[in-house]
Amino acid sequence: MLGDDGNDVNAEEVDERQHYGVMDKEDLISYALRLEKELTRKNNIIQSLTLQRDWIIEKKDTRGGTQRVHGSSHGV
């Protein structure tokens, strides 16, 4: 039996490819683009949440009379 690349493959290899859902080049590119888009979206969420967290910490520290220094709170 000949594979996609024209080389001889046995039935076991064909079954393994089908079992693991081996994708062709276009599918891989599409999948990679979807992963990139999802990663960008998640990174944007993380950045937004980090900014919100920092804003909340800053507001809390200015109201409570403490100053945040290197990850710990010290009274002023």
Protein backbone atom coordinates (compact mmCIF):
# COMPACT_ATOMS: atom_id res chain seq x y z
CA MET A 1 0.00 0.00 0.00
CA LEU A 2 1.30 3.48 -0.84
CA GLY A 3 1.10 6.37 1.60
CA ASP A 4 0.43 10.04 0.86
CA ASP A 5 4.10 10.59 0.13
CA GLY A 6 4.24 7.69 -2.35
CA ASN A 7 6.22 5.44 0.00
CA ASP A 8 5.13 1.93 0.87
CA VAL A 9 3.31 1.73 4.23
CA ASN A 10 1.77 -1.22 5.97
CA ALA A 11 -1.83 -1.48 7.16
CA GLU A 12 -0.74 -1.04 10.78
CA GLU A 13 0.76 2.38 10.02
CA VAL A 14 -2.40 3.41 8.17
CA ASP A 15 -4.54 2.35 11.15
CA GLU A 16 -2.25 4.30 13.50
CA ARG A 17 -2.51 7.45 11.36
CA GLN A 18 -6.29 7.19 11.28
CA HIS A 19 -6.42 6.48 15.03
CA TYR A 20 -4.35 9.53 15.91
CA GLY A 21 -6.03 11.72 13.29
CA VAL A 22 -2.92 12.69 11.36
CA MET A 23 -3.65 16.01 9.66
CA ASP A 24 -2.55 17.19 6.26
CA LYS A 25 -0.53 20.39 5.81
CA GLU A 26 -3.55 22.68 5.36
CA ASP A 27 -5.24 21.27 8.47
CA LEU A 28 -2.06 21.76 10.49
CA ILE A 29 -1.74 25.38 9.34
CA SER A 30 -5.38 26.06 10.16
CA TYR A 31 -4.99 24.41 13.57
CA ALA A 32 -1.83 26.41 14.30
CA LEU A 33 -3.60 29.66 13.38
CA ARG A 34 -6.53 28.78 15.67
CA LEU A 35 -4.09 28.01 18.50
CA GLU A 36 -2.29 31.31 17.93
CA LYS A 37 -5.59 33.21 18.01
CA GLU A 38 -6.65 31.42 21.22
CA LEU A 39 -3.27 32.08 22.84
CA THR A 40 -3.47 35.77 21.95
CA ARG A 41 -6.99 35.96 23.39
CA LYS A 42 -5.90 34.29 26.64
CA ASN A 43 -2.82 36.51 26.92
CA ASN A 44 -5.06 39.58 26.51
CA ILE A 45 -7.31 38.30 29.31
CA ILE A 46 -4.30 37.72 31.57
CA GLN A 47 -2.98 41.21 30.83
CA SER A 48 -6.37 42.76 31.55
CA LEU A 49 -6.78 40.85 34.81
CA THR A 50 -3.26 41.79 35.87
CA LEU A 51 -3.98 45.48 35.26
CA GLN A 52 -7.25 45.20 37.21
CA ARG A 53 -5.46 43.46 40.08
CA ASP A 54 -2.74 46.11 40.19
CA TRP A 55 -5.36 48.88 40.14
CA ILE A 56 -7.27 47.27 43.02
CA ILE A 57 -4.08 46.83 45.05
CA GLU A 58 -3.11 50.44 44.41
CA LYS A 59 -6.57 51.72 45.46
CA LYS A 60 -6.55 49.52 48.56
CA ASP A 61 -3.07 50.66 49.56
CA THR A 62 -3.82 54.38 49.11
CA ARG A 63 -7.04 54.10 51.13
CA GLY A 64 -5.50 51.99 53.87
CA GLY A 65 -2.49 54.22 54.36
CA THR A 66 -0.02 51.54 53.39
CA GLN A 67 2.55 51.57 50.67
CA ARG A 68 3.28 48.49 48.59
CA VAL A 69 7.00 47.72 48.38
CA HIS A 70 8.37 44.65 46.57
CA GLY A 71 5.25 42.57 47.01
CA SER A 72 4.68 43.32 50.69
CA SER A 73 2.72 46.01 52.51
CA HIS A 74 4.44 48.35 54.94
CA GLY A 75 2.72 50.97 57.06
CA VAL A 76 3.55 54.59 56.28
